């Protein structure tokens, strides 16, 4: 049985060990709105493979490029949700998400789509956060350039 990349299966301790990072650092990333691990009914955090990829990207941006949390949130806000979700250009002006320039949709209270409001793990925009260090990959997505 294959587990999908968005399936939350790692506890915070296992995720920290796999990444070589401390548990408190993972909690800080979540508090800063950079990641959204699944919370169980008993409030335990579970991380998916996508979460681990996003955390690795965040760590690289901090260590290699010297970004701080404000810079990371701003950079994540540049994810082109309209391209990832292939939105109709006519609806772009009515969408509230692109107007939030200082943080990603998952930390703003505004979801990139109604289906994602309670479950960022299944959101395609959240899953693409691991590519935020190379936004040029979005030039390859079919459709219009809305910028």
C-alpha atoms as a PDB file:
ATOM      1  CA  UNK A   1       0.000   0.000   0.000  1.00  0.00           C
ATOM      2  CA  UNK A   2       1.504   3.301  -1.149  1.00  0.00           C
ATOM      3  CA  UNK A   3       1.098   6.343   1.062  1.00  0.00           C
ATOM      4  CA  UNK A   4       0.513   9.648  -0.729  1.00  0.00           C
ATOM      5  CA  UNK A   5       2.919  12.546  -0.245  1.00  0.00           C
ATOM      6  CA  UNK A   6       0.174  14.543   1.486  1.00  0.00           C
ATOM      7  CA  UNK A   7      -0.720  11.796   3.970  1.00  0.00           C
ATOM      8  CA  UNK A   8       0.238  12.959   7.498  1.00  0.00           C
ATOM      9  CA  UNK A   9       2.087   9.997   9.019  1.00  0.00           C
ATOM     10  CA  UNK A  10       5.095  11.346  10.938  1.00  0.00           C
ATOM     11  CA  UNK A  11       4.871  12.489  14.540  1.00  0.00           C
ATOM     12  CA  UNK A  12       6.738  15.649  15.460  1.00  0.00           C
ATOM     13  CA  UNK A  13       9.597  13.652  17.011  1.00  0.00           C
ATOM     14  CA  UNK A  14      10.028  11.432  13.957  1.00  0.00           C
ATOM     15  CA  UNK A  15       9.779  14.418  11.588  1.00  0.00           C
ATOM     16  CA  UNK A  16      12.428  16.282  13.590  1.00  0.00           C
ATOM     17  CA  UNK A  17      14.719  13.253  13.573  1.00  0.00           C
ATOM     18  CA  UNK A  18      14.309  12.688   9.810  1.00  0.00           C
ATOM     19  CA  UNK A  19      15.113  16.348   9.135  1.00  0.00           C
ATOM     20  CA  UNK A  20      17.898  16.723  11.678  1.00  0.00           C
ATOM     21  CA  UNK A  21      16.074  19.616  13.307  1.00  0.00           C
ATOM     22  CA  UNK A  22      14.803  20.199  16.827  1.00  0.00           C
ATOM     23  CA  UNK A  23      11.186  19.709  17.876  1.00  0.00           C
ATOM     24  CA  UNK A  24      11.007  23.320  19.150  1.00  0.00           C
ATOM     25  CA  UNK A  25      12.148  24.555  15.715  1.00  0.00           C
ATOM     26  CA  UNK A  26       9.234  22.717  14.071  1.00  0.00           C
ATOM     27  CA  UNK A  27       6.854  24.329  16.544  1.00  0.00           C
ATOM     28  CA  UNK A  28       8.303  27.762  15.712  1.00  0.00           C
ATOM     29  CA  UNK A  29       7.867  27.167  11.957  1.00  0.00           C
ATOM     30  CA  UNK A  30       4.222  26.339  12.611  1.00  0.00           C
ATOM     31  CA  UNK A  31       3.724  29.332  14.932  1.00  0.00           C
ATOM     32  CA  UNK A  32       5.242  31.601  12.276  1.00  0.00           C
ATOM     33  CA  UNK A  33       2.714  30.337   9.711  1.00  0.00           C
ATOM     34  CA  UNK A  34       5.272  28.637   7.469  1.00  0.00           C
ATOM     35  CA  UNK A  35       3.872  25.105   7.790  1.00  0.00           C
ATOM     36  CA  UNK A  36       0.534  23.586   8.718  1.00  0.00           C
ATOM     37  CA  UNK A  37       0.889  20.077  10.111  1.00  0.00           C
ATOM     38  CA  UNK A  38      -2.293  18.119  10.601  1.00  0.00           C
ATOM     39  CA  UNK A  39      -3.667  18.174  14.148  1.00  0.00           C
ATOM     40  CA  UNK A  40      -5.321  15.003  15.397  1.00  0.00           C
ATOM     41  CA  UNK A  41      -8.401  15.009  17.621  1.00  0.00           C
ATOM     42  CA  UNK A  42      -5.997  14.810  20.581  1.00  0.00           C
ATOM     43  CA  UNK A  43      -4.052  17.840  19.211  1.00  0.00           C
ATOM     44  CA  UNK A  44      -0.965  15.853  18.176  1.00  0.00           C
ATOM     45  CA  UNK A  45       0.907  17.138  15.152  1.00  0.00           C
ATOM     46  CA  UNK A  46       1.360  14.810  12.187  1.00  0.00           C
ATOM     47  CA  UNK A  47       3.584  15.670   9.239  1.00  0.00           C
ATOM     48  CA  UNK A  48       3.388  14.492   5.646  1.00  0.00           C
ATOM     49  CA  UNK A  49       6.213  14.005   3.181  1.00  0.00           C
ATOM     50  CA  UNK A  50       5.128  17.316   1.601  1.00  0.00           C
ATOM     51  CA  UNK A  51       5.518  19.006   5.010  1.00  0.00           C
ATOM     52  CA  UNK A  52       9.040  17.595   5.295  1.00  0.00           C
ATOM     53  CA  UNK A  53       9.919  18.911   1.826  1.00  0.00           C
ATOM     54  CA  UNK A  54       8.586  22.361   2.721  1.00  0.00           C
ATOM     55  CA  UNK A  55      10.595  22.366   5.956  1.00  0.00           C
ATOM     56  CA  UNK A  56      13.760  21.412   4.061  1.00  0.00           C
ATOM     57  CA  UNK A  57      13.158  24.290   1.653  1.00  0.00           C
ATOM     58  CA  UNK A  58      12.578  26.687   4.555  1.00  0.00           C
ATOM     59  CA  UNK A  59      15.788  25.568   6.245  1.00  0.00           C
ATOM     60  CA  UNK A  60      17.739  26.066   3.010  1.00  0.00           C
ATOM     61  CA  UNK A  61      16.330  29.550   2.584  1.00  0.00           C
ATOM     62  CA  UNK A  62      17.292  30.419   6.157  1.00  0.00           C
ATOM     63  CA  UNK A  63      20.765  28.858   6.113  1.00  0.00           C
ATOM     64  CA  UNK A  64      21.813  29.462   2.504  1.00  0.00           C
ATOM     65  CA  UNK A  65      20.063  32.725   1.718  1.00  0.00           C
ATOM     66  CA  UNK A  66      19.789  34.271   5.178  1.00  0.00           C
ATOM     67  CA  UNK A  67      16.031  34.840   5.070  1.00  0.00           C
ATOM     68  CA  UNK A  68      14.172  35.519   8.286  1.00  0.00           C
ATOM     69  CA  UNK A  69      10.558  34.583   9.058  1.00  0.00           C
ATOM     70  CA  UNK A  70       9.160  37.823   7.645  1.00  0.00           C
ATOM     71  CA  UNK A  71      11.058  37.243   4.405  1.00  0.00           C
ATOM     72  CA  UNK A  72       9.966  33.602   4.265  1.00  0.00           C
ATOM     73  CA  UNK A  73       6.287  34.469   4.757  1.00  0.00           C
ATOM     74  CA  UNK A  74       6.560  37.137   2.065  1.00  0.00           C
ATOM     75  CA  UNK A  75       8.278  34.730  -0.319  1.00  0.00           C
ATOM     76  CA  UNK A  76       5.635  32.054   0.293  1.00  0.00           C
ATOM     77  CA  UNK A  77       2.955  34.648  -0.469  1.00  0.00           C
ATOM     78  CA  UNK A  78       4.397  34.840  -4.012  1.00  0.00           C
ATOM     79  CA  UNK A  79       3.295  31.281  -4.811  1.00  0.00           C
ATOM     80  CA  UNK A  80       1.108  31.765  -7.885  1.00  0.00           C
ATOM     81  CA  UNK A  81      -2.032  30.049  -6.604  1.00  0.00           C
ATOM     82  CA  UNK A  82      -3.937  31.173  -9.701  1.00  0.00           C
ATOM     83  CA  UNK A  83      -1.482  29.232 -11.900  1.00  0.00           C
ATOM     84  CA  UNK A  84      -1.295  26.191  -9.629  1.00  0.00           C
ATOM     85  CA  UNK A  85      -5.082  25.962  -9.455  1.00  0.00           C
ATOM     86  CA  UNK A  86      -5.490  27.096 -13.100  1.00  0.00           C
ATOM     87  CA  UNK A  87      -7.998  29.795 -12.205  1.00  0.00           C
ATOM     88  CA  UNK A  88      -9.959  31.666 -14.801  1.00  0.00           C
ATOM     89  CA  UNK A  89      -8.321  35.086 -15.402  1.00  0.00           C
ATOM     90  CA  UNK A  90     -11.755  36.728 -15.088  1.00  0.00           C
ATOM     91  CA  UNK A  91     -12.021  35.577 -11.461  1.00  0.00           C
ATOM     92  CA  UNK A  92      -8.522  36.780 -10.528  1.00  0.00           C
ATOM     93  CA  UNK A  93      -9.639  40.357  -9.742  1.00  0.00           C
ATOM     94  CA  UNK A  94     -12.324  39.045  -7.374  1.00  0.00           C
ATOM     95  CA  UNK A  95      -9.988  36.703  -5.472  1.00  0.00           C
ATOM     96  CA  UNK A  96      -8.861  37.938  -2.043  1.00  0.00           C
ATOM     97  CA  UNK A  97      -5.883  35.584  -1.739  1.00  0.00           C
ATOM     98  CA  UNK A  98      -3.453  37.295  -4.192  1.00  0.00           C
ATOM     99  CA  UNK A  99      -3.948  40.616  -2.370  1.00  0.00           C
ATOM    100  CA  UNK A 100      -2.377  39.260   0.816  1.00  0.00           C
ATOM    101  CA  UNK A 101       1.210  40.258   0.189  1.00  0.00           C
ATOM    102  CA  UNK A 102       2.887  39.516   3.487  1.00  0.00           C
ATOM    103  CA  UNK A 103       2.015  35.877   4.191  1.00  0.00           C
ATOM    104  CA  UNK A 104       0.895  32.678   2.465  1.00  0.00           C
ATOM    105  CA  UNK A 105      -2.799  31.892   2.191  1.00  0.00           C
ATOM    106  CA  UNK A 106      -2.592  29.136   4.807  1.00  0.00           C
ATOM    107  CA  UNK A 107      -1.397  31.542   7.504  1.00  0.00           C
ATOM    108  CA  UNK A 108      -3.746  34.373   6.553  1.00  0.00           C
ATOM    109  CA  UNK A 109      -7.129  32.834   7.210  1.00  0.00           C
ATOM    110  CA  UNK A 110      -7.861  33.045   3.480  1.00  0.00           C
ATOM    111  CA  UNK A 111      -7.743  29.773   1.647  1.00  0.00           C
ATOM    112  CA  UNK A 112      -6.654  29.357  -1.942  1.00  0.00           C
ATOM    113  CA  UNK A 113      -9.826  27.363  -2.430  1.00  0.00           C
ATOM    114  CA  UNK A 114     -12.864  26.438  -0.404  1.00  0.00           C
ATOM    115  CA  UNK A 115     -11.847  22.783  -0.354  1.00  0.00           C
ATOM    116  CA  UNK A 116      -8.620  23.707   1.448  1.00  0.00           C
ATOM    117  CA  UNK A 117     -10.041  25.832   4.255  1.00  0.00           C
ATOM    118  CA  UNK A 118      -9.736  23.123   6.878  1.00  0.00           C
ATOM    119  CA  UNK A 119      -7.181  20.857   5.248  1.00  0.00           C
ATOM    120  CA  UNK A 120      -4.005  22.436   3.913  1.00  0.00           C
ATOM    121  CA  UNK A 121      -2.525  18.950   3.471  1.00  0.00           C
ATOM    122  CA  UNK A 122      -4.705  18.403   0.399  1.00  0.00           C
ATOM    123  CA  UNK A 123      -4.247  21.922  -0.987  1.00  0.00           C
ATOM    124  CA  UNK A 124      -2.163  22.036  -4.181  1.00  0.00           C
ATOM    125  CA  UNK A 125      -0.866  25.514  -3.319  1.00  0.00           C
ATOM    126  CA  UNK A 126       0.468  24.317   0.049  1.00  0.00           C
ATOM    127  CA  UNK A 127       2.013  21.259  -1.607  1.00  0.00           C
ATOM    128  CA  UNK A 128       3.900  23.556  -4.013  1.00  0.00           C
ATOM    129  CA  UNK A 129       5.501  25.523  -1.157  1.00  0.00           C
ATOM    130  CA  UNK A 130       8.559  23.282  -1.434  1.00  0.00           C
ATOM    131  CA  UNK A 131       9.220  24.959  -4.831  1.00  0.00           C
ATOM    132  CA  UNK A 132       9.143  28.521  -3.500  1.00  0.00           C
ATOM    133  CA  UNK A 133      12.917  28.807  -3.829  1.00  0.00           C
ATOM    134  CA  UNK A 134      12.552  28.474  -7.626  1.00  0.00           C
ATOM    135  CA  UNK A 135       9.441  30.317  -8.726  1.00  0.00           C
ATOM    136  CA  UNK A 136      10.515  29.952 -12.356  1.00  0.00           C
ATOM    137  CA  UNK A 137       9.008  26.431 -12.352  1.00  0.00           C
ATOM    138  CA  UNK A 138       5.603  28.111 -12.550  1.00  0.00           C
ATOM    139  CA  UNK A 139       6.428  29.502 -15.979  1.00  0.00           C
ATOM    140  CA  UNK A 140       6.081  25.899 -17.149  1.00  0.00           C
ATOM    141  CA  UNK A 141       2.490  25.573 -15.953  1.00  0.00           C
ATOM    142  CA  UNK A 142       0.022  25.741 -18.812  1.00  0.00           C
ATOM    143  CA  UNK A 143      -2.262  28.724 -19.013  1.00  0.00           C
ATOM    144  CA  UNK A 144      -2.064  32.467 -18.969  1.00  0.00           C
ATOM    145  CA  UNK A 145       0.521  34.592 -17.238  1.00  0.00           C
ATOM    146  CA  UNK A 146      -1.596  36.734 -14.902  1.00  0.00           C
ATOM    147  CA  UNK A 147       1.219  38.874 -13.496  1.00  0.00           C
END
